[in-house]
């Protein structure tokens, strides 16, 4: 199904992958998006995207014509103490958007909280462990209410830890900021950014509705990912550091408070989708190939 006009609130790392995926399929596709400040997208291959400033505090001054014409809407802005910035500024405009056929909302698997390392899916009861995650759940509910009032399909996409070119273990290793924190039996799911782009685009094209997890097939200990990346770079991995004695920020430490293995079977079945990176190994290998290809053409 053709996607006539996509509007993205928050053209960040993940949302850019959606725009790139759409432009690869439909080079003349119409895309508009917001950013907190002016930026150049030429180096990202997204110079055709019509950009608008939206600071999350007041309605975007220039975006209304593009928002009104949008057939598909993607929300990639996190809620805060004031609630969902997009809804606070533009709920009436979105409710009245005459051509809108589908809404996608990027959330996080963090809302599930702890599962003692067990496998879970979308039926697992949410138990947010921070205000930040509680705000996410409240935003999910608000978007669900809006979609119901409009009668518009809404896909809530709960993302695992995001990585891709420019944001991976390679970058941390090269910057000297990689740490192999070891906590017994701790694992994390991840999701490769190009998989986010491809899945979200397919969900939009099929006007998919419902709640879905986006994550890989092999939740893995974070220290293993760092070690594997170091091996691919041909360098020595940083030493293992015990979690209990590690010098971590409260935010970083909070990520280790929950241990779960999250399934993405539902979204893969709904869209008949095969992950580009079913594990971190394929993802890291693809990033390295991407970097090498860019180096050859620079």
C-alpha atoms as a PDB file:
ATOM      1  CA  UNK A   1       0.000   0.000   0.000  1.00  0.00           C
ATOM      2  CA  UNK A   2       1.436   3.392  -1.007  1.00  0.00           C
ATOM      3  CA  UNK A   3       2.200   5.825   1.764  1.00  0.00           C
ATOM      4  CA  UNK A   4       1.088   9.222   0.503  1.00  0.00           C
ATOM      5  CA  UNK A   5       2.475  11.600   3.136  1.00  0.00           C
ATOM      6  CA  UNK A   6       4.322  10.792   6.362  1.00  0.00           C
ATOM      7  CA  UNK A   7       4.620  13.264   9.225  1.00  0.00           C
ATOM      8  CA  UNK A   8       7.144  12.498  11.962  1.00  0.00           C
ATOM      9  CA  UNK A   9       7.193  14.241  15.317  1.00  0.00           C
ATOM     10  CA  UNK A  10      10.814  13.943  16.430  1.00  0.00           C
ATOM     11  CA  UNK A  11      13.245  13.025  13.638  1.00  0.00           C
ATOM     12  CA  UNK A  12      15.731  11.278  15.906  1.00  0.00           C
ATOM     13  CA  UNK A  13      17.933   8.232  15.413  1.00  0.00           C
ATOM     14  CA  UNK A  14      15.113   5.685  15.029  1.00  0.00           C
ATOM     15  CA  UNK A  15      12.699   7.888  13.102  1.00  0.00           C
ATOM     16  CA  UNK A  16      15.412   8.725  10.573  1.00  0.00           C
ATOM     17  CA  UNK A  17      15.598   5.025   9.741  1.00  0.00           C
ATOM     18  CA  UNK A  18      11.878   5.043   8.963  1.00  0.00           C
ATOM     19  CA  UNK A  19      12.314   8.012   6.627  1.00  0.00           C
ATOM     20  CA  UNK A  20      15.281   6.351   4.911  1.00  0.00           C
ATOM     21  CA  UNK A  21      13.352   3.095   4.473  1.00  0.00           C
ATOM     22  CA  UNK A  22      10.439   4.953   2.887  1.00  0.00           C
ATOM     23  CA  UNK A  23      12.664   6.946   0.519  1.00  0.00           C
ATOM     24  CA  UNK A  24      14.442   3.775  -0.590  1.00  0.00           C
ATOM     25  CA  UNK A  25      11.075   2.308  -1.595  1.00  0.00           C
ATOM     26  CA  UNK A  26       9.494   5.523  -2.838  1.00  0.00           C
ATOM     27  CA  UNK A  27      12.150   8.129  -3.751  1.00  0.00           C
ATOM     28  CA  UNK A  28       9.491  10.779  -4.344  1.00  0.00           C
ATOM     29  CA  UNK A  29       7.569  10.116  -1.124  1.00  0.00           C
ATOM     30  CA  UNK A  30       6.436  13.168   0.814  1.00  0.00           C
ATOM     31  CA  UNK A  31       7.870  13.349   4.326  1.00  0.00           C
ATOM     32  CA  UNK A  32       7.677  16.151   6.865  1.00  0.00           C
ATOM     33  CA  UNK A  33       9.222  16.031  10.317  1.00  0.00           C
ATOM     34  CA  UNK A  34      10.109  18.068  13.363  1.00  0.00           C
ATOM     35  CA  UNK A  35      13.297  18.814  15.233  1.00  0.00           C
ATOM     36  CA  UNK A  36      13.999  20.953  18.291  1.00  0.00           C
ATOM     37  CA  UNK A  37      16.355  23.144  16.261  1.00  0.00           C
ATOM     38  CA  UNK A  38      17.410  23.789  12.682  1.00  0.00           C
ATOM     39  CA  UNK A  39      19.589  21.058  11.222  1.00  0.00           C
ATOM     40  CA  UNK A  40      21.025  19.879   7.926  1.00  0.00           C
ATOM     41  CA  UNK A  41      20.022  16.417   6.747  1.00  0.00           C
ATOM     42  CA  UNK A  42      22.024  16.347   3.521  1.00  0.00           C
ATOM     43  CA  UNK A  43      24.698  14.035   4.943  1.00  0.00           C
ATOM     44  CA  UNK A  44      21.978  11.622   6.084  1.00  0.00           C
ATOM     45  CA  UNK A  45      20.369  11.402   2.655  1.00  0.00           C
ATOM     46  CA  UNK A  46      17.239  13.065   4.002  1.00  0.00           C
ATOM     47  CA  UNK A  47      17.494  16.473   2.366  1.00  0.00           C
ATOM     48  CA  UNK A  48      14.050  15.947   0.796  1.00  0.00           C
ATOM     49  CA  UNK A  49      12.374  15.888   4.219  1.00  0.00           C
ATOM     50  CA  UNK A  50      10.453  19.095   4.966  1.00  0.00           C
ATOM     51  CA  UNK A  51      11.648  20.134   8.416  1.00  0.00           C
ATOM     52  CA  UNK A  52       9.800  22.152  11.056  1.00  0.00           C
ATOM     53  CA  UNK A  53      10.886  23.413  14.461  1.00  0.00           C
ATOM     54  CA  UNK A  54       8.942  21.965  17.406  1.00  0.00           C
ATOM     55  CA  UNK A  55      10.446  22.515  20.839  1.00  0.00           C
ATOM     56  CA  UNK A  56       7.853  20.469  22.707  1.00  0.00           C
ATOM     57  CA  UNK A  57       6.645  23.458  24.671  1.00  0.00           C
ATOM     58  CA  UNK A  58       4.443  25.308  22.194  1.00  0.00           C
ATOM     59  CA  UNK A  59       2.749  24.443  18.883  1.00  0.00           C
ATOM     60  CA  UNK A  60       5.035  24.305  15.872  1.00  0.00           C
ATOM     61  CA  UNK A  61       4.723  27.607  14.027  1.00  0.00           C
ATOM     62  CA  UNK A  62       5.095  26.259  10.483  1.00  0.00           C
ATOM     63  CA  UNK A  63       4.020  22.622  10.571  1.00  0.00           C
ATOM     64  CA  UNK A  64       0.230  22.861  10.278  1.00  0.00           C
ATOM     65  CA  UNK A  65      -0.051  22.610   6.455  1.00  0.00           C
ATOM     66  CA  UNK A  66       2.036  19.420   6.406  1.00  0.00           C
ATOM     67  CA  UNK A  67       0.314  17.944   9.468  1.00  0.00           C
ATOM     68  CA  UNK A  68      -3.102  18.614   7.927  1.00  0.00           C
ATOM     69  CA  UNK A  69      -2.112  16.785   4.732  1.00  0.00           C
ATOM     70  CA  UNK A  70      -0.511  13.801   6.496  1.00  0.00           C
ATOM     71  CA  UNK A  71      -1.885  10.333   5.812  1.00  0.00           C
ATOM     72  CA  UNK A  72       0.479   8.645   8.273  1.00  0.00           C
ATOM     73  CA  UNK A  73       1.785  10.001  11.572  1.00  0.00           C
ATOM     74  CA  UNK A  74       4.739   8.747  13.622  1.00  0.00           C
ATOM     75  CA  UNK A  75       5.437   9.951  17.161  1.00  0.00           C
ATOM     76  CA  UNK A  76       9.041   9.658  18.297  1.00  0.00           C
ATOM     77  CA  UNK A  77       9.139  12.172  21.157  1.00  0.00           C
ATOM     78  CA  UNK A  78       9.294  11.023  24.764  1.00  0.00           C
ATOM     79  CA  UNK A  79       6.842  12.308  27.380  1.00  0.00           C
ATOM     80  CA  UNK A  80       8.060  14.387  30.308  1.00  0.00           C
ATOM     81  CA  UNK A  81       6.805  15.824  33.584  1.00  0.00           C
ATOM     82  CA  UNK A  82       4.220  17.837  31.643  1.00  0.00           C
ATOM     83  CA  UNK A  83       2.909  14.819  29.730  1.00  0.00           C
ATOM     84  CA  UNK A  84       3.157  14.102  26.014  1.00  0.00           C
ATOM     85  CA  UNK A  85       4.511  17.206  24.232  1.00  0.00           C
ATOM     86  CA  UNK A  86       2.788  16.421  20.939  1.00  0.00           C
ATOM     87  CA  UNK A  87      -0.615  15.907  22.513  1.00  0.00           C
ATOM     88  CA  UNK A  88      -0.221  18.975  24.698  1.00  0.00           C
ATOM     89  CA  UNK A  89       0.474  21.156  21.665  1.00  0.00           C
ATOM     90  CA  UNK A  90      -1.427  19.536  18.806  1.00  0.00           C
ATOM     91  CA  UNK A  91      -4.121  17.136  20.064  1.00  0.00           C
ATOM     92  CA  UNK A  92      -6.981  19.115  18.486  1.00  0.00           C
ATOM     93  CA  UNK A  93      -5.140  19.375  15.173  1.00  0.00           C
ATOM     94  CA  UNK A  94      -4.493  15.629  15.089  1.00  0.00           C
ATOM     95  CA  UNK A  95      -8.082  14.820  16.024  1.00  0.00           C
ATOM     96  CA  UNK A  96      -9.225  16.983  13.114  1.00  0.00           C
ATOM     97  CA  UNK A  97      -6.603  15.885  10.555  1.00  0.00           C
ATOM     98  CA  UNK A  98      -8.780  15.023   7.530  1.00  0.00           C
ATOM     99  CA  UNK A  99      -6.512  12.545   5.721  1.00  0.00           C
ATOM    100  CA  UNK A 100      -4.908  10.656   8.600  1.00  0.00           C
ATOM    101  CA  UNK A 101      -5.075   6.864   8.084  1.00  0.00           C
ATOM    102  CA  UNK A 102      -2.546   5.532  10.611  1.00  0.00           C
ATOM    103  CA  UNK A 103      -0.659   6.540  13.750  1.00  0.00           C
ATOM    104  CA  UNK A 104       2.520   4.962  15.075  1.00  0.00           C
ATOM    105  CA  UNK A 105       3.918   5.605  18.548  1.00  0.00           C
ATOM    106  CA  UNK A 106       7.444   4.688  19.660  1.00  0.00           C
ATOM    107  CA  UNK A 107       7.444   3.477  23.261  1.00  0.00           C
ATOM    108  CA  UNK A 108       9.843   1.212  25.171  1.00  0.00           C
ATOM    109  CA  UNK A 109       9.960  -2.349  26.497  1.00  0.00           C
ATOM    110  CA  UNK A 110      11.166  -0.746  29.729  1.00  0.00           C
ATOM    111  CA  UNK A 111       7.524  -0.374  30.804  1.00  0.00           C
ATOM    112  CA  UNK A 112       7.400  -4.116  31.557  1.00  0.00           C
ATOM    113  CA  UNK A 113       9.785  -3.794  34.480  1.00  0.00           C
ATOM    114  CA  UNK A 114      11.392  -6.897  35.949  1.00  0.00           C
ATOM    115  CA  UNK A 115      10.528 -10.470  34.938  1.00  0.00           C
ATOM    116  CA  UNK A 116      13.348 -12.280  36.780  1.00  0.00           C
ATOM    117  CA  UNK A 117      14.975 -13.075  33.439  1.00  0.00           C
ATOM    118  CA  UNK A 118      11.926 -14.932  32.089  1.00  0.00           C
ATOM    119  CA  UNK A 119      10.609 -14.702  28.533  1.00  0.00           C
ATOM    120  CA  UNK A 120       7.656 -12.309  28.220  1.00  0.00           C
ATOM    121  CA  UNK A 121       5.447 -10.919  25.460  1.00  0.00           C
ATOM    122  CA  UNK A 122       2.836  -8.180  25.055  1.00  0.00           C
ATOM    123  CA  UNK A 123       0.498  -9.890  27.545  1.00  0.00           C
ATOM    124  CA  UNK A 124       2.930  -9.421  30.442  1.00  0.00           C
ATOM    125  CA  UNK A 125       1.609  -6.937  33.003  1.00  0.00           C
ATOM    126  CA  UNK A 126       3.460  -3.630  32.958  1.00  0.00           C
ATOM    127  CA  UNK A 127       5.217  -2.558  36.135  1.00  0.00           C
ATOM    128  CA  UNK A 128       7.196   0.634  35.444  1.00  0.00           C
ATOM    129  CA  UNK A 129      10.136   1.157  37.776  1.00  0.00           C
ATOM    130  CA  UNK A 130      10.517   4.931  37.343  1.00  0.00           C
ATOM    131  CA  UNK A 131       8.518   8.091  36.722  1.00  0.00           C
ATOM    132  CA  UNK A 132       9.970   8.181  33.214  1.00  0.00           C
ATOM    133  CA  UNK A 133       8.460   4.775  32.419  1.00  0.00           C
ATOM    134  CA  UNK A 134       5.152   5.654  34.073  1.00  0.00           C
ATOM    135  CA  UNK A 135       4.930   8.680  31.781  1.00  0.00           C
ATOM    136  CA  UNK A 136       5.425   6.331  28.837  1.00  0.00           C
ATOM    137  CA  UNK A 137       2.461   4.198  29.867  1.00  0.00           C
ATOM    138  CA  UNK A 138       0.304   7.266  30.355  1.00  0.00           C
ATOM    139  CA  UNK A 139       1.275   8.527  26.899  1.00  0.00           C
ATOM    140  CA  UNK A 140       0.420   5.138  25.380  1.00  0.00           C
ATOM    141  CA  UNK A 141      -3.029   5.366  26.978  1.00  0.00           C
ATOM    142  CA  UNK A 142      -3.563   8.922  25.749  1.00  0.00           C
ATOM    143  CA  UNK A 143      -2.637   8.023  22.177  1.00  0.00           C
ATOM    144  CA  UNK A 144      -4.915   4.983  22.367  1.00  0.00           C
ATOM    145  CA  UNK A 145      -7.761   7.229  23.479  1.00  0.00           C
ATOM    146  CA  UNK A 146      -7.118   9.670  20.624  1.00  0.00           C
ATOM    147  CA  UNK A 147      -6.963   6.882  18.049  1.00  0.00           C
ATOM    148  CA  UNK A 148     -10.209   5.406  19.359  1.00  0.00           C
ATOM    149  CA  UNK A 149     -11.963   8.775  19.142  1.00  0.00           C
ATOM    150  CA  UNK A 150     -10.768   9.186  15.556  1.00  0.00           C
ATOM    151  CA  UNK A 151     -11.340   5.581  14.556  1.00  0.00           C
ATOM    152  CA  UNK A 152      -7.757   5.496  13.270  1.00  0.00           C
ATOM    153  CA  UNK A 153      -5.440   2.458  13.513  1.00  0.00           C
ATOM    154  CA  UNK A 154      -2.700   2.957  16.114  1.00  0.00           C
ATOM    155  CA  UNK A 155       0.414   0.811  16.443  1.00  0.00           C
ATOM    156  CA  UNK A 156       2.241   1.179  19.749  1.00  0.00           C
ATOM    157  CA  UNK A 157       5.760  -0.055  19.095  1.00  0.00           C
ATOM    158  CA  UNK A 158       7.749  -0.834  22.236  1.00  0.00           C
ATOM    159  CA  UNK A 159      11.427  -0.653  21.322  1.00  0.00           C
ATOM    160  CA  UNK A 160      14.314  -2.493  22.953  1.00  0.00           C
ATOM    161  CA  UNK A 161      17.793  -0.973  23.307  1.00  0.00           C
ATOM    162  CA  UNK A 162      18.498   0.769  19.997  1.00  0.00           C
ATOM    163  CA  UNK A 163      21.801   0.473  18.169  1.00  0.00           C
ATOM    164  CA  UNK A 164      23.052   1.091  14.656  1.00  0.00           C
ATOM    165  CA  UNK A 165      25.706   2.938  12.644  1.00  0.00           C
ATOM    166  CA  UNK A 166      26.990   5.797  14.766  1.00  0.00           C
ATOM    167  CA  UNK A 167      25.461   4.415  17.948  1.00  0.00           C
ATOM    168  CA  UNK A 168      26.950   1.072  18.912  1.00  0.00           C
ATOM    169  CA  UNK A 169      29.567  -0.706  20.983  1.00  0.00           C
ATOM    170  CA  UNK A 170      32.116   0.263  18.318  1.00  0.00           C
ATOM    171  CA  UNK A 171      31.635   3.960  19.050  1.00  0.00           C
ATOM    172  CA  UNK A 172      31.994   3.416  22.794  1.00  0.00           C
ATOM    173  CA  UNK A 173      35.160   1.383  22.317  1.00  0.00           C
ATOM    174  CA  UNK A 174      36.727   3.968  20.014  1.00  0.00           C
ATOM    175  CA  UNK A 175      35.858   6.765  22.428  1.00  0.00           C
ATOM    176  CA  UNK A 176      37.307   4.864  25.363  1.00  0.00           C
ATOM    177  CA  UNK A 177      33.901   4.838  27.075  1.00  0.00           C
ATOM    178  CA  UNK A 178      33.067   1.129  26.818  1.00  0.00           C
ATOM    179  CA  UNK A 179      32.712  -0.746  30.107  1.00  0.00           C
ATOM    180  CA  UNK A 180      32.109  -4.451  30.597  1.00  0.00           C
ATOM    181  CA  UNK A 181      29.718  -4.294  33.551  1.00  0.00           C
ATOM    182  CA  UNK A 182      28.957  -7.791  34.819  1.00  0.00           C
ATOM    183  CA  UNK A 183      25.813  -8.565  36.786  1.00  0.00           C
ATOM    184  CA  UNK A 184      25.040 -12.249  37.270  1.00  0.00           C
ATOM    185  CA  UNK A 185      22.423 -13.572  34.813  1.00  0.00           C
ATOM    186  CA  UNK A 186      21.606 -10.046  33.524  1.00  0.00           C
ATOM    187  CA  UNK A 187      20.548  -9.808  29.879  1.00  0.00           C
ATOM    188  CA  UNK A 188      19.155  -7.115  27.608  1.00  0.00           C
ATOM    189  CA  UNK A 189      17.244  -7.174  24.340  1.00  0.00           C
ATOM    190  CA  UNK A 190      18.357  -4.922  21.527  1.00  0.00           C
ATOM    191  CA  UNK A 191      16.944  -3.788  18.205  1.00  0.00           C
ATOM    192  CA  UNK A 192      18.958  -2.833  15.119  1.00  0.00           C
ATOM    193  CA  UNK A 193      17.989   0.633  13.843  1.00  0.00           C
ATOM    194  CA  UNK A 194      17.449  -0.491  10.209  1.00  0.00           C
ATOM    195  CA  UNK A 195      15.038  -3.141  11.534  1.00  0.00           C
ATOM    196  CA  UNK A 196      13.096  -0.392  13.304  1.00  0.00           C
ATOM    197  CA  UNK A 197      12.879   1.500  10.029  1.00  0.00           C
ATOM    198  CA  UNK A 198      11.751  -1.458   7.946  1.00  0.00           C
ATOM    199  CA  UNK A 199       9.235  -2.756  10.498  1.00  0.00           C
ATOM    200  CA  UNK A 200       7.692   0.653  11.141  1.00  0.00           C
ATOM    201  CA  UNK A 201       7.361   1.376   7.432  1.00  0.00           C
ATOM    202  CA  UNK A 202       5.689  -1.970   6.826  1.00  0.00           C
ATOM    203  CA  UNK A 203       3.369  -1.389   9.796  1.00  0.00           C
ATOM    204  CA  UNK A 204       2.402   2.007   8.377  1.00  0.00           C
ATOM    205  CA  UNK A 205       1.804   0.632   4.894  1.00  0.00           C
ATOM    206  CA  UNK A 206      -0.441  -2.118   6.287  1.00  0.00           C
ATOM    207  CA  UNK A 207      -2.094   0.264   8.753  1.00  0.00           C
ATOM    208  CA  UNK A 208      -1.226  -2.156  11.529  1.00  0.00           C
ATOM    209  CA  UNK A 209      -3.050  -1.656  14.820  1.00  0.00           C
ATOM    210  CA  UNK A 210      -2.192  -2.916  18.299  1.00  0.00           C
ATOM    211  CA  UNK A 211       0.671  -3.272  20.749  1.00  0.00           C
ATOM    212  CA  UNK A 212       3.953  -4.790  19.573  1.00  0.00           C
ATOM    213  CA  UNK A 213       7.470  -5.378  20.872  1.00  0.00           C
ATOM    214  CA  UNK A 214      10.414  -4.596  18.577  1.00  0.00           C
ATOM    215  CA  UNK A 215      13.455  -6.527  19.735  1.00  0.00           C
ATOM    216  CA  UNK A 216      15.994  -9.120  18.679  1.00  0.00           C
ATOM    217  CA  UNK A 217      15.856 -12.872  19.232  1.00  0.00           C
ATOM    218  CA  UNK A 218      18.754 -13.258  21.646  1.00  0.00           C
ATOM    219  CA  UNK A 219      18.735 -11.180  24.831  1.00  0.00           C
ATOM    220  CA  UNK A 220      22.396 -11.091  25.819  1.00  0.00           C
ATOM    221  CA  UNK A 221      24.681  -9.949  28.645  1.00  0.00           C
ATOM    222  CA  UNK A 222      26.030  -6.458  27.847  1.00  0.00           C
ATOM    223  CA  UNK A 223      29.614  -7.505  28.555  1.00  0.00           C
ATOM    224  CA  UNK A 224      29.374 -10.115  25.785  1.00  0.00           C
ATOM    225  CA  UNK A 225      28.371  -7.472  23.246  1.00  0.00           C
ATOM    226  CA  UNK A 226      31.339  -5.262  24.146  1.00  0.00           C
ATOM    227  CA  UNK A 227      33.723  -8.226  23.955  1.00  0.00           C
ATOM    228  CA  UNK A 228      32.369  -9.287  20.556  1.00  0.00           C
ATOM    229  CA  UNK A 229      32.665  -5.748  19.184  1.00  0.00           C
ATOM    230  CA  UNK A 230      36.244  -5.499  20.440  1.00  0.00           C
ATOM    231  CA  UNK A 231      37.054  -8.777  18.711  1.00  0.00           C
ATOM    232  CA  UNK A 232      35.647  -7.492  15.422  1.00  0.00           C
ATOM    233  CA  UNK A 233      37.837  -4.404  15.737  1.00  0.00           C
ATOM    234  CA  UNK A 234      40.864  -6.510  16.604  1.00  0.00           C
ATOM    235  CA  UNK A 235      41.417  -4.790  19.931  1.00  0.00           C
ATOM    236  CA  UNK A 236      41.453  -5.972  23.519  1.00  0.00           C
ATOM    237  CA  UNK A 237      38.150  -5.787  25.369  1.00  0.00           C
ATOM    238  CA  UNK A 238      38.047  -3.621  28.493  1.00  0.00           C
ATOM    239  CA  UNK A 239      38.289  -5.505  31.793  1.00  0.00           C
ATOM    240  CA  UNK A 240      35.172  -6.880  33.449  1.00  0.00           C
ATOM    241  CA  UNK A 241      33.780  -4.732  36.279  1.00  0.00           C
ATOM    242  CA  UNK A 242      31.468  -6.113  38.938  1.00  0.00           C
ATOM    243  CA  UNK A 243      28.102  -4.350  38.908  1.00  0.00           C
ATOM    244  CA  UNK A 244      28.049  -3.953  42.682  1.00  0.00           C
ATOM    245  CA  UNK A 245      31.240  -1.883  42.705  1.00  0.00           C
ATOM    246  CA  UNK A 246      30.876  -0.185  39.304  1.00  0.00           C
ATOM    247  CA  UNK A 247      30.807   3.614  39.197  1.00  0.00           C
ATOM    248  CA  UNK A 248      27.465   4.093  37.449  1.00  0.00           C
ATOM    249  CA  UNK A 249      25.085   7.031  37.296  1.00  0.00           C
ATOM    250  CA  UNK A 250      21.644   6.513  38.872  1.00  0.00           C
ATOM    251  CA  UNK A 251      20.164   6.396  35.344  1.00  0.00           C
ATOM    252  CA  UNK A 252      22.646   3.753  34.158  1.00  0.00           C
ATOM    253  CA  UNK A 253      22.173   1.704  37.318  1.00  0.00           C
ATOM    254  CA  UNK A 254      18.390   1.817  36.908  1.00  0.00           C
ATOM    255  CA  UNK A 255      18.630  -0.114  33.628  1.00  0.00           C
ATOM    256  CA  UNK A 256      20.043  -3.081  35.534  1.00  0.00           C
ATOM    257  CA  UNK A 257      17.095  -3.118  37.953  1.00  0.00           C
ATOM    258  CA  UNK A 258      15.001  -5.102  35.468  1.00  0.00           C
ATOM    259  CA  UNK A 259      15.916  -8.421  33.889  1.00  0.00           C
ATOM    260  CA  UNK A 260      13.711  -9.892  31.178  1.00  0.00           C
ATOM    261  CA  UNK A 261      13.756 -11.671  27.840  1.00  0.00           C
ATOM    262  CA  UNK A 262      11.262 -10.015  25.515  1.00  0.00           C
ATOM    263  CA  UNK A 263       9.679 -11.716  22.510  1.00  0.00           C
ATOM    264  CA  UNK A 264       9.004  -9.948  19.206  1.00  0.00           C
ATOM    265  CA  UNK A 265       7.152 -12.917  17.722  1.00  0.00           C
ATOM    266  CA  UNK A 266       3.896 -10.993  17.401  1.00  0.00           C
ATOM    267  CA  UNK A 267       5.171  -8.199  15.129  1.00  0.00           C
ATOM    268  CA  UNK A 268       7.248 -10.598  13.041  1.00  0.00           C
ATOM    269  CA  UNK A 269       4.223 -12.810  12.445  1.00  0.00           C
ATOM    270  CA  UNK A 270       1.849  -9.906  11.782  1.00  0.00           C
ATOM    271  CA  UNK A 271       4.100  -8.452   9.088  1.00  0.00           C
ATOM    272  CA  UNK A 272       5.818 -11.656   7.931  1.00  0.00           C
ATOM    273  CA  UNK A 273       9.107  -9.942   8.736  1.00  0.00           C
ATOM    274  CA  UNK A 274      12.558 -11.454   9.088  1.00  0.00           C
ATOM    275  CA  UNK A 275      14.976  -9.426  11.182  1.00  0.00           C
ATOM    276  CA  UNK A 276      18.095  -8.095   9.472  1.00  0.00           C
ATOM    277  CA  UNK A 277      19.848  -8.519  12.825  1.00  0.00           C
ATOM    278  CA  UNK A 278      18.267 -11.383  14.795  1.00  0.00           C
ATOM    279  CA  UNK A 279      21.167 -11.062  17.264  1.00  0.00           C
ATOM    280  CA  UNK A 280      23.773  -8.446  18.105  1.00  0.00           C
ATOM    281  CA  UNK A 281      26.333 -10.384  16.054  1.00  0.00           C
ATOM    282  CA  UNK A 282      24.613  -9.751  12.714  1.00  0.00           C
ATOM    283  CA  UNK A 283      23.959  -6.151  13.715  1.00  0.00           C
ATOM    284  CA  UNK A 284      27.564  -5.399  14.627  1.00  0.00           C
ATOM    285  CA  UNK A 285      28.808  -7.098  11.472  1.00  0.00           C
ATOM    286  CA  UNK A 286      26.425  -4.989   9.363  1.00  0.00           C
ATOM    287  CA  UNK A 287      27.603  -1.801  11.073  1.00  0.00           C
ATOM    288  CA  UNK A 288      31.232  -2.641  10.364  1.00  0.00           C
ATOM    289  CA  UNK A 289      30.425  -3.344   6.705  1.00  0.00           C
ATOM    290  CA  UNK A 290      28.550  -0.040   6.518  1.00  0.00           C
ATOM    291  CA  UNK A 291      31.531   1.827   7.963  1.00  0.00           C
ATOM    292  CA  UNK A 292      33.942   0.129   5.585  1.00  0.00           C
ATOM    293  CA  UNK A 293      31.754   0.941   2.579  1.00  0.00           C
ATOM    294  CA  UNK A 294      31.538   4.593   3.601  1.00  0.00           C
ATOM    295  CA  UNK A 295      35.300   4.751   4.038  1.00  0.00           C
ATOM    296  CA  UNK A 296      35.769   3.436   0.498  1.00  0.00           C
ATOM    297  CA  UNK A 297      33.531   6.150  -0.942  1.00  0.00           C
ATOM    298  CA  UNK A 298      34.809   9.077   1.133  1.00  0.00           C
END
